[in-house]
Protein backbone atom coordinates (compact mmCIF):
# COMPACT_ATOMS: atom_id res chain seq x y z
CA MET A 1 75.91 184.10 105.63
CA ARG A 2 72.63 182.60 106.89
CA PRO A 3 73.14 180.01 109.86
CA GLU A 4 71.52 177.32 107.73
CA THR A 5 74.25 177.85 105.14
CA LYS A 6 77.17 177.49 107.60
CA VAL A 7 75.62 174.34 109.06
CA GLY A 8 75.27 172.79 105.77
CA LEU A 9 78.69 173.89 104.56
CA PHE A 10 80.45 172.49 107.91
CA THR A 11 78.53 169.20 107.49
CA VAL A 12 79.95 168.57 103.80
CA ILE A 13 83.26 169.37 104.97
CA GLY A 14 83.21 166.92 107.68
CA ILE A 15 81.73 164.23 105.59
CA VAL A 16 84.68 164.83 103.11
CA LEU A 17 87.40 164.87 105.80
CA PHE A 18 85.83 161.62 107.28
CA GLY A 19 85.94 159.82 103.93
CA ILE A 20 89.44 160.97 103.42
CA THR A 21 90.40 159.84 106.92
CA ILE A 22 88.81 156.21 106.04
CA TYR A 23 90.79 155.98 102.96
CA MET A 24 94.20 156.86 104.64
CA LEU A 25 93.34 154.49 107.47
CA GLY A 26 93.18 151.63 104.75
CA ASN A 27 96.98 151.99 104.15
CA ILE A 28 98.07 152.91 107.70
CA SER A 29 98.65 150.51 110.66
CA MET A 30 97.45 151.86 113.89
CA GLY A 31 100.10 150.27 115.72
CA GLY A 32 103.08 150.93 113.31
CA GLU A 33 104.68 148.56 110.87
CA TYR A 34 107.87 147.71 108.90
CA LYS A 35 108.27 147.06 105.17
CA ILE A 36 109.52 143.73 103.45
CA THR A 37 109.57 143.42 99.60
CA VAL A 38 108.91 139.91 98.11
CA ARG A 39 109.81 139.15 94.59
CA PHE A 40 107.81 136.83 92.45
CA ASN A 41 107.56 135.63 88.88
CA ASP A 42 103.67 135.97 88.78
CA VAL A 43 101.21 137.43 91.30
CA SER A 44 97.92 136.55 89.49
CA GLY A 45 94.88 137.55 91.38
CA LEU A 46 96.62 138.95 94.39
CA PRO A 47 95.07 142.33 95.06
CA LYS A 48 96.51 145.35 96.84
CA LYS A 49 95.53 145.70 100.46
CA SER A 50 95.06 141.95 100.68
CA VAL A 51 95.82 140.07 103.91
CA VAL A 52 99.32 138.81 105.06
CA LYS A 53 98.98 135.71 107.20
CA LEU A 54 101.87 134.17 109.33
CA ASN A 55 101.17 130.40 109.85
CA GLY A 56 97.60 131.29 109.35
CA VAL A 57 97.61 134.38 111.60
CA GLU A 58 97.07 137.85 110.20
CA VAL A 59 100.14 140.04 110.79
CA GLY A 60 99.76 142.79 107.94
CA LYS A 61 98.68 143.53 104.46
CA VAL A 62 100.03 143.91 100.97
CA ARG A 63 100.79 147.71 100.62
CA ASP A 64 101.87 147.98 97.03
CA ILE A 65 102.35 145.72 94.00
CA LYS A 66 104.90 146.74 91.21
CA MET A 67 107.19 145.61 88.34
CA SER A 68 110.72 145.31 88.99
CA GLY A 69 112.80 144.34 86.22
CA ASP A 70 111.70 141.04 85.11
CA HIS A 71 109.97 140.19 88.55
CA VAL A 72 106.83 141.54 90.46
CA ALA A 73 107.59 143.13 93.94
CA ALA A 74 105.07 142.78 96.48
CA VAL A 75 105.76 145.38 99.43
CA LEU A 76 104.21 143.82 102.65
CA GLY A 77 103.45 146.00 105.76
CA ILE A 78 104.12 143.77 108.92
CA LYS A 79 103.04 144.68 112.25
CA GLU A 80 105.72 145.94 114.59
CA GLY A 81 106.69 143.25 117.19
CA VAL A 82 106.05 140.35 114.64
CA GLY A 83 109.21 138.83 113.83
CA VAL A 84 109.62 136.92 110.50
CA PHE A 85 112.68 134.68 110.01
CA ARG A 86 115.07 134.84 106.96
CA ASP A 87 114.50 131.28 105.86
CA SER A 88 110.63 131.70 105.74
CA VAL A 89 108.51 130.62 102.87
CA PHE A 90 106.46 133.28 101.12
CA LYS A 91 103.66 132.11 98.76
CA ILE A 92 100.37 133.10 97.22
CA ALA A 93 97.56 131.09 98.89
CA SER A 94 93.60 131.16 98.55
CA THR A 95 90.99 130.88 101.34
CA SER A 96 89.20 128.15 98.96
CA LEU A 97 89.27 126.91 95.36
CA ILE A 98 87.24 130.03 94.39
CA GLY A 99 87.88 132.33 97.30
CA THR A 100 89.90 135.42 97.68
CA LYS A 101 93.75 135.18 97.63
CA TYR A 102 96.29 136.48 100.25
CA LEU A 103 99.84 136.38 101.03
CA ALA A 104 100.77 133.25 103.23
CA ILE A 105 104.22 133.14 105.40
CA VAL A 106 105.31 129.77 106.45
CA GLN A 107 107.63 130.71 109.44
CA GLY A 108 111.28 129.69 109.09
CA ASN A 109 113.92 128.55 111.62
CA PRO A 110 115.01 131.22 114.31
CA SER A 111 118.79 130.33 113.75
CA SER A 112 118.54 132.13 110.22
CA GLY A 113 117.97 135.62 111.74
CA ILE A 114 114.93 138.09 111.63
CA LEU A 115 113.97 140.36 108.54
CA LYS A 116 114.24 143.99 109.01
CA ASP A 117 112.56 146.98 107.61
CA GLY A 118 113.49 147.48 103.99
CA ASP A 119 114.80 143.66 103.29
CA ILE A 120 113.99 141.94 100.09
CA VAL A 121 113.51 138.32 99.76
CA ASP A 122 112.47 135.83 97.07
CA GLY A 123 108.95 134.35 97.12
CA SER A 124 107.89 130.79 96.08
CA GLN A 125 107.59 130.33 92.49
CA GLU A 126 104.91 127.59 92.48
CA PRO A 127 102.65 127.96 89.36
CA PRO A 128 99.31 129.40 90.35
CA LEU A 129 96.47 126.98 91.21
CA GLU A 130 94.54 127.44 88.16
CA GLU A 131 97.43 126.39 86.14
CA MET A 132 98.25 123.43 88.27
CA LEU A 133 94.38 122.17 87.96
CA ALA A 134 94.59 122.68 84.14
CA GLN A 135 97.66 120.52 83.96
CA THR A 136 96.28 117.90 86.22
CA MET A 137 92.94 117.77 84.01
CA SER A 138 95.06 117.38 80.98
CA THR A 139 97.02 114.62 82.48
CA VAL A 140 93.96 112.77 83.56
CA GLN A 141 92.35 113.02 79.94
CA ASP A 142 95.48 111.70 78.46
CA LEU A 143 95.50 108.74 80.88
CA ALA A 144 91.67 108.23 80.17
CA LYS A 145 92.31 108.10 76.31
CA SER A 146 95.20 105.74 76.86
CA VAL A 147 93.19 103.21 78.98
CA ASN A 148 90.17 103.42 76.41
CA GLY A 149 92.31 102.21 73.78
CA ASN A 150 93.12 105.53 71.96
CA GLY A 151 96.63 106.11 73.16
CA GLU A 152 99.74 104.02 73.55
CA LEU A 153 98.61 101.95 76.38
CA GLY A 154 95.60 100.82 74.65
CA ARG A 155 97.61 99.93 71.56
CA ASN A 156 100.12 97.97 73.60
CA LEU A 157 97.37 96.06 75.32
CA ASN A 158 95.76 95.21 72.28
CA GLU A 159 98.94 94.07 70.45
CA THR A 160 99.94 91.95 73.67
CA MET A 161 96.62 90.25 73.82
CA LEU A 162 96.68 89.55 70.06
CA ASN A 163 100.21 88.12 70.40
CA LEU A 164 99.10 85.99 73.40
CA ARG A 165 96.20 84.79 71.23
CA MET A 166 98.38 83.76 68.39
CA LEU A 167 100.67 81.87 70.79
CA SER A 168 97.74 80.09 72.41
CA ASN A 169 96.41 79.08 68.90
CA ASN A 170 99.98 77.77 68.07
CA LEU A 171 100.42 75.76 71.31
CA ASN A 172 96.88 74.41 70.64
CA SER A 173 97.94 73.25 67.18
CA LEU A 174 101.04 71.76 68.60
CA ILE A 175 99.24 69.79 71.35
CA ALA A 176 96.52 68.66 69.15
CA SER A 177 99.12 67.22 66.76
CA MET A 178 101.11 65.41 69.60
CA LYS A 179 97.93 64.23 71.33
CA PRO A 180 97.42 60.86 69.23
CA TYR A 181 101.16 60.02 69.98
CA LEU A 182 100.96 60.71 73.69
CA GLU A 183 97.67 58.71 73.96
CA ASN A 184 99.21 55.78 72.20
CA THR A 185 102.35 56.00 74.40
CA MET A 186 100.27 55.83 77.65
CA THR A 187 98.26 52.91 76.27
CA ASN A 188 101.45 50.91 75.36
CA VAL A 189 102.86 51.62 78.64
CA SER A 190 99.76 50.40 80.43
CA ARG A 191 99.78 47.32 78.26
CA SER A 192 103.36 46.53 78.68
CA THR A 193 102.82 46.82 82.51
CA ASP A 194 99.87 44.27 82.38
CA ASP A 195 102.06 41.90 80.07
CA LEU A 196 105.07 42.14 82.56
CA GLN A 197 102.89 41.31 85.34
CA ALA A 198 101.59 38.29 83.60
CA LEU A 199 104.81 37.18 82.73
CA MET A 200 106.18 37.59 86.27
CA ALA A 201 103.29 35.39 87.54
CA ARG A 202 104.00 32.74 84.76
CA ALA A 203 107.86 32.94 85.72
CA ASP A 204 107.03 32.19 89.53
CA ASP A 205 104.65 29.20 88.47
CA ILE A 206 107.55 27.74 86.10
CA THR A 207 110.15 28.11 88.84
CA ARG A 208 108.01 26.36 91.30
CA GLN A 209 107.32 23.44 88.94
CA ILE A 210 111.14 23.23 88.09
CA GLN A 211 112.08 23.23 91.77
CA ASP A 212 109.66 20.37 92.53
CA SER A 213 110.86 18.33 89.30
CA GLU A 214 113.43 15.74 89.16
CA GLY A 215 116.13 14.95 86.90
CA VAL A 216 119.06 17.06 85.34
CA LEU A 217 116.97 20.36 85.03
CA GLY A 218 115.54 19.89 88.52
CA ALA A 219 119.09 19.26 90.01
CA LEU A 220 120.50 22.29 88.42
CA ILE A 221 117.56 24.50 89.34
CA ASN A 222 117.98 22.91 93.00
CA ASP A 223 121.70 24.11 93.21
CA PRO A 224 121.85 26.49 95.89
CA GLN A 225 123.80 28.94 94.10
CA MET A 226 121.45 28.99 91.01
CA LYS A 227 118.52 29.35 93.42
CA LYS A 228 120.04 32.38 94.98
CA ASP A 229 120.54 33.93 91.57
CA ILE A 230 117.28 33.19 90.34
CA LYS A 231 115.67 34.75 93.55
CA GLU A 232 117.63 37.81 93.26
CA SER A 233 116.74 38.34 89.64
CA VAL A 234 113.00 37.98 90.50
CA SER A 235 113.42 40.21 93.46
CA ASN A 236 114.89 43.12 91.18
CA LEU A 237 112.33 42.67 88.47
CA ASN A 238 109.66 43.23 91.32
CA ALA A 239 111.38 46.24 92.34
CA THR A 240 111.54 47.50 88.97
CA MET A 241 107.99 47.03 88.47
CA GLY A 242 107.21 48.97 91.71
CA GLU A 243 109.47 51.81 90.60
CA ALA A 244 107.66 51.99 87.32
CA LYS A 245 104.35 52.12 88.99
CA GLU A 246 105.55 54.89 91.21
CA PHE A 247 106.87 56.95 88.65
CA ILE A 248 103.70 56.66 86.48
CA GLY A 249 101.68 57.90 89.59
CA LYS A 250 104.13 60.97 89.81
CA MET A 251 103.79 61.88 86.31
CA SER A 252 99.90 61.97 86.43
CA ARG A 253 100.30 64.63 89.21
CA PHE A 254 102.26 67.08 87.16
CA ARG A 255 100.55 70.52 86.86
CA VAL A 256 101.79 73.31 84.46
CA PHE A 257 100.36 76.81 83.88
CA TRP A 258 100.95 79.55 81.34
CA LEU A 259 101.54 82.89 82.85
CA TYR A 260 101.53 86.31 81.27
CA ASP A 261 102.30 89.57 83.40
CA GLY A 262 101.70 92.95 81.42
CA TYR A 263 103.43 95.75 83.29
CA TYR A 264 102.63 99.53 82.37
CA ASN A 265 105.25 101.97 83.90
CA THR A 266 103.43 105.14 84.51
CA ALA A 267 106.34 107.41 84.94
CA SER A 268 107.80 106.67 81.65
CA GLY A 269 104.69 105.41 79.85
CA VAL A 270 106.28 102.14 78.82
CA MET A 271 104.69 98.68 78.54
CA SER A 272 106.75 95.47 79.14
CA ASN A 273 105.46 92.02 79.07
CA ASN A 274 106.53 88.60 81.06
CA VAL A 275 105.71 85.24 79.54
CA GLY A 276 106.45 81.88 81.07
CA LEU A 277 105.57 78.40 82.45
CA LYS A 278 105.23 77.65 86.18
CA ILE A 279 105.53 73.78 86.62
CA TYR A 280 104.45 72.09 89.70
CA PRO A 281 106.06 68.52 90.07
CA SER A 282 104.34 65.60 92.13
CA ASN A 283 105.21 67.12 95.36
CA ASP A 284 102.90 69.94 96.85
CA TYR A 285 105.36 72.25 98.29
CA MET A 286 107.72 73.42 95.31
CA TYR A 287 107.65 74.46 91.66
CA TYR A 288 109.98 75.56 88.83
CA ARG A 289 109.34 78.82 86.69
CA VAL A 290 111.05 79.49 83.39
CA GLY A 291 110.29 82.11 80.66
CA ALA A 292 111.35 85.56 79.48
CA SER A 293 110.75 88.87 81.11
CA ASN A 294 110.29 92.44 79.84
CA LEU A 295 109.60 91.60 76.29
CA GLY A 296 109.54 94.71 74.11
CA ASN A 297 110.92 96.43 71.32
CA THR A 298 114.49 97.41 71.93
CA LYS A 299 114.32 100.24 69.53
CA ASN A 300 111.97 101.94 71.97
CA PHE A 301 114.23 101.50 74.95
CA GLN A 302 115.51 105.19 75.11
CA GLY A 303 112.22 106.65 76.12
CA THR A 304 112.31 109.40 78.79
CA ASN A 305 112.69 107.93 82.17
CA ASP A 306 112.66 104.30 80.97
CA TYR A 307 115.21 102.20 82.81
CA ILE A 308 113.84 98.69 82.39
CA GLU A 309 116.33 96.70 80.53
CA ARG A 310 114.51 94.50 77.67
CA ASN A 311 114.21 90.84 76.73
CA GLU A 312 115.73 89.11 79.92
CA ILE A 313 115.62 85.43 80.99
CA ASP A 314 113.50 84.27 84.14
CA ALA A 315 114.48 80.93 85.53
CA ARG A 316 113.69 80.13 89.18
CA LEU A 317 112.96 77.44 91.90
CA GLY A 318 110.09 78.29 94.38
CA PHE A 319 108.40 76.77 97.42
CA TYR A 320 104.93 77.87 98.81
CA ASN A 321 102.24 77.01 101.36
CA ARG A 322 98.93 78.76 101.93
CA TYR A 323 100.64 82.03 103.36
CA LEU A 324 104.00 82.36 101.74
CA ASP A 325 105.32 81.85 98.15
CA ILE A 326 109.11 82.34 97.87
CA SER A 327 111.42 81.78 94.97
CA ALA A 328 115.02 82.46 93.95
CA GLY A 329 117.10 82.06 90.91
CA TYR A 330 117.38 84.33 87.77
CA ILE A 331 114.63 87.00 88.01
CA MET A 332 114.26 89.37 85.25
CA GLY A 333 117.84 89.09 84.09
CA ALA A 334 119.71 89.12 87.41
CA GLY A 335 120.20 86.90 90.32
CA GLY A 336 117.76 87.41 93.43
CA VAL A 337 114.70 86.35 95.59
CA ALA A 338 111.04 87.10 95.28
CA ALA A 339 108.24 86.64 97.74
CA VAL A 340 104.46 86.61 97.64
CA VAL A 341 102.69 86.87 100.89
CA THR A 342 98.92 86.27 101.71
CA PRO A 343 98.26 87.56 105.01
CA PHE A 344 94.61 86.91 105.04
CA ALA A 345 94.73 83.25 103.39
CA ASP A 346 92.02 82.09 106.09
CA SER A 347 89.32 84.69 104.78
CA GLN A 348 87.11 83.81 102.12
CA PHE A 349 87.39 87.09 100.21
CA LEU A 350 90.55 88.64 101.72
CA LYS A 351 92.64 85.73 100.57
CA ARG A 352 92.39 87.21 97.20
CA LEU A 353 94.63 89.96 98.38
CA SER A 354 98.46 89.41 98.45
CA LEU A 355 101.51 91.37 98.89
CA GLN A 356 104.77 90.84 96.65
CA GLY A 357 108.20 91.91 96.66
CA GLN A 358 111.48 91.10 94.84
CA ALA A 359 115.24 92.07 95.15
CA THR A 360 117.62 91.24 92.33
CA ASP A 361 121.09 92.56 91.01
CA PHE A 362 122.66 93.03 94.28
CA GLY A 363 126.01 94.00 92.94
CA ARG A 364 124.52 96.42 90.12
CA ASP A 365 127.15 99.18 89.10
CA ARG A 366 126.40 100.19 85.42
CA TYR A 367 124.67 102.95 83.59
CA ILE A 368 121.15 102.43 81.99
CA ASN A 369 119.64 104.81 79.38
CA GLY A 370 122.42 107.42 80.67
CA ARG A 371 121.84 107.09 84.29
CA HIS A 372 124.18 105.34 86.84
CA PHE A 373 122.72 102.59 88.95
CA ASN A 374 124.58 101.26 92.00
CA HIS A 375 121.84 99.84 94.23
CA ALA A 376 119.83 96.46 94.25
CA ASN A 377 116.85 96.54 91.99
CA ILE A 378 113.78 96.18 94.53
CA TRP A 379 110.17 95.94 93.49
CA TYR A 380 107.14 95.73 95.73
CA GLY A 381 103.37 96.17 95.42
CA ALA A 382 100.20 94.38 95.87
CA ASN A 383 97.89 92.11 93.81
CA PHE A 384 94.11 91.40 93.89
CA GLU A 385 92.67 88.04 92.16
CA ILE A 386 89.64 88.82 90.16
CA ASN A 387 89.36 85.04 89.34
CA LYS A 388 91.14 81.95 88.84
CA TYR A 389 92.49 83.22 85.30
CA LEU A 390 93.06 87.02 86.09
CA ASN A 391 94.53 89.35 88.92
CA VAL A 392 95.46 93.14 88.89
CA GLY A 393 98.09 94.76 90.90
CA ALA A 394 100.00 97.93 91.39
CA GLY A 395 103.46 98.98 92.87
CA MET A 396 106.70 100.62 92.52
CA THR A 397 109.73 99.70 90.54
CA ASP A 398 113.38 99.97 91.35
CA ALA A 399 112.60 101.51 94.57
CA LEU A 400 116.15 102.47 95.78
CA GLU A 401 116.88 104.20 92.44
CA VAL A 402 113.96 105.94 90.33
CA ASN A 403 111.05 104.39 92.65
CA GLN A 404 108.53 104.64 89.59
CA PRO A 405 104.93 103.45 89.85
CA TYR A 406 103.35 100.61 87.83
CA ILE A 407 100.08 98.87 87.15
CA LYS A 408 99.78 95.45 86.11
CA ALA A 409 97.31 92.53 84.84
CA THR A 410 98.30 88.71 85.19
CA VAL A 411 96.65 86.07 83.01
CA LYS A 412 97.05 82.50 84.14
CA PHE A 413 95.64 79.14 82.86
CA GLN A 414 96.38 75.37 83.32
CA ASP A 415 97.56 73.31 80.39
CA LYS A 416 97.02 69.66 81.01
CA ASP A 417 98.53 68.48 77.71
CA ILE A 418 101.90 70.15 78.40
CA ALA A 419 101.77 68.62 81.89
CA ALA A 420 101.40 65.14 80.32
CA PHE A 421 104.35 65.83 77.78
CA PHE A 422 106.58 66.81 80.69
CA GLY A 423 105.91 63.77 82.46
CA LEU A 424 106.59 61.61 79.59
CA ALA A 425 109.87 63.35 78.97
CA THR A 426 110.74 62.71 82.47
CA LEU A 427 109.90 58.99 82.07
CA ALA A 428 112.07 58.85 79.11
CA LYS A 429 115.03 60.23 80.95
C-alpha cells in the first residue's frame, strides 16, 4: 500500500472517530450524573437534550422523552453533587415568548429530603403557554363584544338605560301635572302670610284704640286679667308667624337627587341595578337615602358564580363633609354601614377620585345559590367623577367570601320639583 493511501485512510478513520466522540459526548456528562424521571401530561415543544435549570442555574440535560402509559416521561440527567429536594416543582419553561423551551426546577424545602438516582416525580400540569395565550385572547374578544353592545353586558346596559328614560319621562309627566297645583299652593301661602301680617297690624291698632277709650268696652279691656289674656294671644300669634316664616325658608332649601347605579360582576357576568332618591333637608351635614338595590330578573339568579341577592330595599341615614360621607341603615337588604372617602378634596382635579367601602349582614349564616356564607358582606372599590352627572368605578364584592370583581357606572341628577313636593308634604304634616 502506498504511503499516500495509508495517510488518507488514517485521516478518514480519525474524522469518523472524532464525529462519534462528539455525538457520544452530547449524551454523557463529563463530571458524572444521576437520573430523575418526571411525568407530564404534555411536553409540547420540549426537545431532547434541552437544558435543565435549577432556580435559573443549568444543572443538567433532558436525556430522553418517552411515553409511559397515559403520561409522558422526561428522563433528566442531573450533575453529581447537585441536590434536588422532593417537593420541588418541575415545569416546562421558555426563554422568551418565541424562544427555546427548557425544563425548569423550582427548588423545594430541605426538610422534604433529596431525590436519588432512579426516583420518579410528577411535573407541573400547567397548560402550555400557547394554550393560555389563546384562552386569554378569546376572553378579551368576548369582553370586547359585550362592551360594544353585541353581548349580554351591552344588552343589559341598553335595557337599563331604556328603563331609566321611561322612568324619567313618567316622573316628568307627573311633575308637569302637579306643577300648577304646587305653584297655586305656594302663591296662596304667600298671600295668606301677607294677609295675616296686615290683620296683626290692624289688631294692634284696634287694641290701642280700645285701651285708650272710655265706657264699658274700655273698662272691660283695661281689666288686668283681660289685658294679660290679650297680650298672651298676640304673643302666641306672633310666634306662630315667625315659625311659619322659618319653615317656609327651610322648605326652599330642600334638595333631592335621583341616583342610578349599574354594577357588572365580571366573575359571574351578571348585571345588577340600584335606583333611589337622595334627600338633603335644610341642614348642610346630613341626608336620607331610599330606594331599591340589585334590581334584576329573579329567574336568572341561579347563574354560575352568581351570589348577589335580588330586589332588596335600601334605606339609610347619612352624614357628610368635604372629606367623608358615612351612612348607616338598611343597605342592599341588610343592616350595615357605608363610607366614601375623598382624600384629595383640596385638589382641583384629584378631588374627583374617591374610595368607597361598605359592610353589611354581620350575622350572615345561610346558603346562597348552593354556597354557604357565614361572614359579613364587605364591598370596597374606587370611583372617579367624570362630571356632575356621571362617575365610574371598580372594586370587589363580598371580599370575605367570594371576592368577585365589578365595574360600575353611576348617574345622578337633581330634581327641584320633587324637592318642592317634599317640602310641601313636610309643611302639611
